[in-house]
């Protein structure tokens, strides 16, 4: 018999602001069955590279376990979980109280993955990692800084020669927990961003091209010159895209790293919701 006799709905917190909506369903287990277990999941693209690795390795050890995860975005994962068309899902932002209340059953939050949302770009002729202050990042995504050779960008990057090319912003086109993480940051560092755009999974972007999933944004940046966007770190690394160093509150420009993610998580642990 299968160890679980009913579906269990679970939501998990991924990264500092990332969540896995997970449920476990058992198929088979009755007389004459082969004891196989099948799970179907969908949601955030943020943790997808790691999830696919986990599922591949686990499947080798347990061939009777059939687990599939589709990277469709956080909003899709929450929607499908509430509709009970999947057993588990993922979102980089926690479910809102109203979503939890309207769900068909109890949803739990379980931490699974820490990761970094990073700035990545495609700019020919620049070899060293670019550096950005929070003000410059906000102004670029607000459309106030329009060209790569803007004086504010140059001030963060002494010695770098920038082309007089227009900046093309790339953002998510789908409901995205990665967008929620990024716009939450922008709302904290820029009063103008907070007032005009705010934080959320589907903000009204002032400018830019849309890409579906972290995969779509990565593809747009990689294939389009003079672009800038935000993705989970693994996507930039896998596609050999540069990542920016970001100025922190102490005035230091920080490169994304495991140590940095760990330190950020420790700093923000106290803000984790009670559930």
Protein backbone atom coordinates (compact mmCIF):
# COMPACT_ATOMS: atom_id res chain seq x y z
CA UNK A 1 0.00 0.00 0.00
CA UNK A 2 1.11 3.55 -0.61
CA UNK A 3 2.19 5.27 2.59
CA UNK A 4 -0.10 8.26 1.95
CA UNK A 5 -3.82 7.64 1.54
CA UNK A 6 -4.84 11.18 0.63
CA UNK A 7 -3.37 14.15 -1.19
CA UNK A 8 -1.31 16.50 0.98
CA UNK A 9 -1.00 20.09 -0.26
CA UNK A 10 2.22 21.83 0.64
CA UNK A 11 3.69 25.28 -0.10
CA UNK A 12 7.44 25.77 0.32
CA UNK A 13 9.53 28.94 0.70
CA UNK A 14 12.34 29.03 -1.86
CA UNK A 15 15.29 31.42 -1.54
CA UNK A 16 14.85 34.48 0.64
CA UNK A 17 11.45 35.06 -0.97
CA UNK A 18 10.82 31.80 -2.84
CA UNK A 19 8.14 29.28 -2.23
CA UNK A 20 7.44 25.68 -3.23
CA UNK A 21 3.82 24.64 -3.37
CA UNK A 22 4.10 20.93 -2.94
CA UNK A 23 1.56 18.15 -2.68
CA UNK A 24 2.03 14.40 -2.68
CA UNK A 25 -0.35 12.03 -4.44
CA UNK A 26 -0.14 8.27 -4.61
CA UNK A 27 -1.20 6.22 -7.60
CA UNK A 28 -1.50 2.49 -7.54
CA UNK A 29 -0.96 0.72 -4.26
CA UNK A 30 -4.10 -1.37 -4.58
CA UNK A 31 -4.34 -5.09 -5.22
CA UNK A 32 -2.36 -6.06 -8.29
CA UNK A 33 -0.62 -2.71 -8.61
CA UNK A 34 3.13 -2.38 -9.01
CA UNK A 35 3.39 0.03 -6.08
CA UNK A 36 4.40 2.93 -8.30
CA UNK A 37 4.04 6.53 -7.21
CA UNK A 38 3.36 9.38 -9.64
CA UNK A 39 3.65 13.10 -8.89
CA UNK A 40 3.03 16.02 -11.24
CA UNK A 41 4.33 19.48 -10.40
CA UNK A 42 4.57 22.89 -12.04
CA UNK A 43 5.44 26.46 -11.22
CA UNK A 44 8.45 28.70 -10.72
CA UNK A 45 11.28 28.65 -13.23
CA UNK A 46 13.61 29.98 -10.50
CA UNK A 47 14.32 26.55 -8.91
CA UNK A 48 13.81 24.48 -12.07
CA UNK A 49 17.50 23.70 -12.81
CA UNK A 50 17.97 22.25 -9.33
CA UNK A 51 14.62 20.45 -9.32
CA UNK A 52 15.42 18.74 -12.62
CA UNK A 53 18.74 17.56 -11.18
CA UNK A 54 17.05 16.28 -8.04
CA UNK A 55 14.37 14.44 -9.99
CA UNK A 56 16.89 12.87 -12.36
CA UNK A 57 19.10 11.57 -9.57
CA UNK A 58 16.17 10.42 -7.43
CA UNK A 59 14.63 8.61 -10.40
CA UNK A 60 17.81 6.59 -10.86
CA UNK A 61 17.57 5.35 -7.28
CA UNK A 62 13.79 4.83 -7.29
CA UNK A 63 12.58 3.86 -10.79
CA UNK A 64 9.05 3.23 -9.42
CA UNK A 65 8.77 6.95 -8.60
CA UNK A 66 7.49 9.01 -11.55
CA UNK A 67 7.97 12.69 -10.72
CA UNK A 68 7.62 15.48 -13.28
CA UNK A 69 8.03 19.23 -12.86
CA UNK A 70 7.12 21.79 -15.51
CA UNK A 71 8.63 25.29 -15.42
CA UNK A 72 5.61 27.55 -16.11
CA UNK A 73 6.10 30.46 -13.67
CA UNK A 74 5.05 31.04 -10.09
CA UNK A 75 1.60 32.36 -10.95
CA UNK A 76 0.86 29.24 -12.99
CA UNK A 77 2.01 27.01 -10.16
CA UNK A 78 -0.26 28.73 -7.63
CA UNK A 79 -3.22 28.68 -10.05
CA UNK A 80 -2.85 25.01 -10.89
CA UNK A 81 -2.38 24.02 -7.26
CA UNK A 82 -5.58 25.82 -6.28
CA UNK A 83 -7.37 24.11 -9.17
CA UNK A 84 -5.94 20.75 -8.01
CA UNK A 85 -4.62 19.92 -11.47
CA UNK A 86 -1.13 19.28 -10.07
CA UNK A 87 0.24 17.62 -6.96
CA UNK A 88 2.91 20.19 -6.23
CA UNK A 89 4.14 23.50 -7.58
CA UNK A 90 6.56 26.31 -6.89
CA UNK A 91 6.62 30.08 -6.48
CA UNK A 92 9.41 32.47 -5.54
CA UNK A 93 6.94 34.60 -3.57
CA UNK A 94 4.70 33.32 -0.78
CA UNK A 95 1.02 32.81 -1.42
CA UNK A 96 -1.10 35.72 -0.25
CA UNK A 97 -3.52 35.24 2.63
CA UNK A 98 -6.50 35.50 0.29
CA UNK A 99 -5.04 32.73 -1.89
CA UNK A 100 -4.52 30.52 1.14
CA UNK A 101 -8.08 31.12 2.34
CA UNK A 102 -9.59 30.35 -1.07
CA UNK A 103 -7.57 27.15 -1.56
CA UNK A 104 -9.52 23.86 -1.54
CA UNK A 105 -7.46 22.54 1.39
CA UNK A 106 -4.79 23.49 3.90
CA UNK A 107 -1.52 24.67 2.37
CA UNK A 108 1.76 24.46 4.24
CA UNK A 109 5.00 26.33 3.56
CA UNK A 110 8.24 24.33 3.47
CA UNK A 111 11.65 25.86 2.64
CA UNK A 112 13.51 24.08 -0.15
CA UNK A 113 15.94 26.26 -2.10
CA UNK A 114 18.06 29.37 -1.68
CA UNK A 115 19.10 31.30 -4.76
CA UNK A 116 20.00 34.74 -6.08
CA UNK A 117 18.11 36.99 -8.48
CA UNK A 118 20.86 38.72 -10.45
CA UNK A 119 21.27 41.43 -13.06
CA UNK A 120 22.58 40.04 -16.35
CA UNK A 121 23.33 41.88 -19.60
CA UNK A 122 24.59 41.61 -23.18
CA UNK A 123 27.05 44.39 -23.97
CA UNK A 124 29.81 43.83 -26.53
CA UNK A 125 33.32 45.10 -25.79
CA UNK A 126 32.99 45.08 -21.99
CA UNK A 127 35.05 42.32 -20.41
CA UNK A 128 34.95 42.96 -16.67
CA UNK A 129 31.72 42.60 -14.61
CA UNK A 130 29.69 45.78 -14.58
CA UNK A 131 28.82 47.48 -11.32
CA UNK A 132 25.47 49.08 -10.54
CA UNK A 133 24.16 51.11 -7.63
CA UNK A 134 20.54 50.66 -6.61
CA UNK A 135 19.66 54.12 -7.96
CA UNK A 136 21.03 53.23 -11.40
CA UNK A 137 19.18 49.89 -11.50
CA UNK A 138 15.89 51.58 -10.64
CA UNK A 139 16.44 54.35 -13.19
CA UNK A 140 17.25 51.84 -15.94
CA UNK A 141 14.08 49.81 -15.31
CA UNK A 142 12.03 53.02 -14.98
CA UNK A 143 13.30 54.11 -18.39
CA UNK A 144 15.02 57.21 -17.03
CA UNK A 145 18.50 55.99 -18.02
CA UNK A 146 18.21 55.22 -21.71
CA UNK A 147 21.77 54.76 -23.00
CA UNK A 148 24.70 52.63 -21.92
CA UNK A 149 27.08 55.61 -21.86
CA UNK A 150 24.93 57.49 -19.33
CA UNK A 151 27.03 59.40 -16.80
CA UNK A 152 25.47 57.55 -13.85
CA UNK A 153 26.46 54.14 -15.25
CA UNK A 154 29.94 55.45 -16.02
CA UNK A 155 30.30 56.73 -12.45
CA UNK A 156 29.75 53.22 -11.10
CA UNK A 157 32.27 51.81 -13.59
CA UNK A 158 35.40 54.00 -13.79
CA UNK A 159 37.74 53.04 -16.63
CA UNK A 160 35.05 51.29 -18.67
CA UNK A 161 34.27 52.65 -22.15
CA UNK A 162 30.55 52.34 -22.92
CA UNK A 163 28.94 52.51 -26.36
CA UNK A 164 26.40 55.21 -27.15
CA UNK A 165 23.76 52.51 -27.60
CA UNK A 166 20.19 52.42 -26.35
CA UNK A 167 19.52 50.12 -23.42
CA UNK A 168 16.89 47.43 -23.99
CA UNK A 169 15.31 46.22 -20.75
CA UNK A 170 14.09 42.62 -20.58
CA UNK A 171 11.55 41.55 -17.95
CA UNK A 172 9.17 38.68 -17.33
CA UNK A 173 5.96 38.53 -19.34
CA UNK A 174 4.28 35.95 -17.09
CA UNK A 175 3.20 36.04 -13.45
CA UNK A 176 6.52 35.53 -11.76
CA UNK A 177 7.89 35.08 -8.27
CA UNK A 178 11.27 36.15 -9.63
CA UNK A 179 9.64 39.44 -10.62
CA UNK A 180 8.15 39.68 -7.12
CA UNK A 181 11.62 39.28 -5.60
CA UNK A 182 13.19 41.82 -7.98
CA UNK A 183 10.43 44.44 -7.66
CA UNK A 184 10.42 44.01 -3.88
CA UNK A 185 14.09 44.98 -3.94
CA UNK A 186 13.43 47.95 -6.24
CA UNK A 187 10.58 49.13 -3.99
CA UNK A 188 12.90 49.07 -0.99
CA UNK A 189 15.74 51.02 -2.64
CA UNK A 190 13.71 53.46 -4.77
CA UNK A 191 10.81 55.57 -3.48
CA UNK A 192 9.94 56.47 -7.08
CA UNK A 193 9.73 52.81 -8.10
CA UNK A 194 7.58 52.01 -5.06
CA UNK A 195 5.18 54.83 -5.91
CA UNK A 196 4.97 54.32 -9.67
CA UNK A 197 5.27 50.54 -10.03
CA UNK A 198 5.50 48.75 -6.70
CA UNK A 199 6.22 45.11 -5.97
CA UNK A 200 4.38 42.07 -7.29
CA UNK A 201 4.36 39.04 -9.53
CA UNK A 202 2.86 40.92 -12.51
CA UNK A 203 3.88 44.58 -12.28
CA UNK A 204 3.08 47.13 -14.98
CA UNK A 205 6.56 47.49 -16.42
CA UNK A 206 7.31 51.04 -17.60
CA UNK A 207 9.47 49.80 -20.50
CA UNK A 208 11.05 46.72 -21.99
CA UNK A 209 10.63 43.39 -23.74
CA UNK A 210 8.90 40.44 -22.09
CA UNK A 211 10.18 36.89 -21.81
CA UNK A 212 8.33 33.90 -20.39
CA UNK A 213 10.08 32.29 -17.46
CA UNK A 214 13.69 32.70 -16.46
CA UNK A 215 14.39 30.74 -19.65
CA UNK A 216 12.68 33.39 -21.79
CA UNK A 217 14.44 36.35 -20.19
CA UNK A 218 17.79 34.57 -20.45
CA UNK A 219 17.18 33.84 -24.13
CA UNK A 220 16.20 37.44 -24.89
CA UNK A 221 19.31 38.82 -23.20
CA UNK A 222 21.64 36.26 -24.75
CA UNK A 223 20.34 36.79 -28.29
CA UNK A 224 19.74 40.56 -28.25
CA UNK A 225 22.64 43.05 -28.06
CA UNK A 226 22.58 45.93 -25.55
CA UNK A 227 20.03 44.24 -23.28
CA UNK A 228 19.76 44.03 -19.51
CA UNK A 229 17.50 41.79 -17.43
CA UNK A 230 17.10 39.86 -14.19
CA UNK A 231 17.26 36.08 -13.76
CA UNK A 232 18.11 33.43 -11.19
CA UNK A 233 21.89 33.04 -11.04
CA UNK A 234 21.99 29.48 -12.41
CA UNK A 235 20.46 30.62 -15.72
CA UNK A 236 23.17 33.23 -16.25
CA UNK A 237 25.92 30.75 -15.36
CA UNK A 238 24.56 27.99 -17.59
CA UNK A 239 24.32 30.39 -20.53
CA UNK A 240 27.72 32.00 -19.89
CA UNK A 241 26.16 35.43 -19.39
CA UNK A 242 27.88 38.04 -17.20
CA UNK A 243 26.31 39.06 -13.90
CA UNK A 244 26.58 42.51 -12.36
CA UNK A 245 28.07 43.45 -9.01
CA UNK A 246 25.50 45.34 -6.94
CA UNK A 247 26.27 48.12 -4.47
CA UNK A 248 25.01 47.26 -1.00
CA UNK A 249 23.99 49.51 1.87
CA UNK A 250 27.61 49.61 3.10
CA UNK A 251 28.82 50.99 -0.23
CA UNK A 252 30.52 47.81 -1.43
CA UNK A 253 29.87 46.24 -4.83
CA UNK A 254 28.94 42.59 -4.20
CA UNK A 255 29.20 39.69 -6.66
CA UNK A 256 26.49 37.01 -6.38
CA UNK A 257 27.87 33.89 -4.70
CA UNK A 258 26.89 31.03 -2.42
CA UNK A 259 28.35 32.91 0.53
CA UNK A 260 26.39 36.02 -0.40
CA UNK A 261 23.13 34.11 -0.69
CA UNK A 262 23.77 32.41 2.65
CA UNK A 263 24.48 35.73 4.35
CA UNK A 264 21.38 37.32 2.84
CA UNK A 265 19.23 34.41 3.98
CA UNK A 266 20.56 34.64 7.53
CA UNK A 267 19.87 38.37 7.57
CA UNK A 268 16.28 37.95 6.38
CA UNK A 269 15.36 34.79 8.31
CA UNK A 270 13.44 36.81 10.87
CA UNK A 271 11.01 38.07 8.22
CA UNK A 272 9.90 34.56 7.21
CA UNK A 273 6.11 34.24 7.64
CA UNK A 274 4.88 32.24 10.63
CA UNK A 275 3.36 29.61 8.34
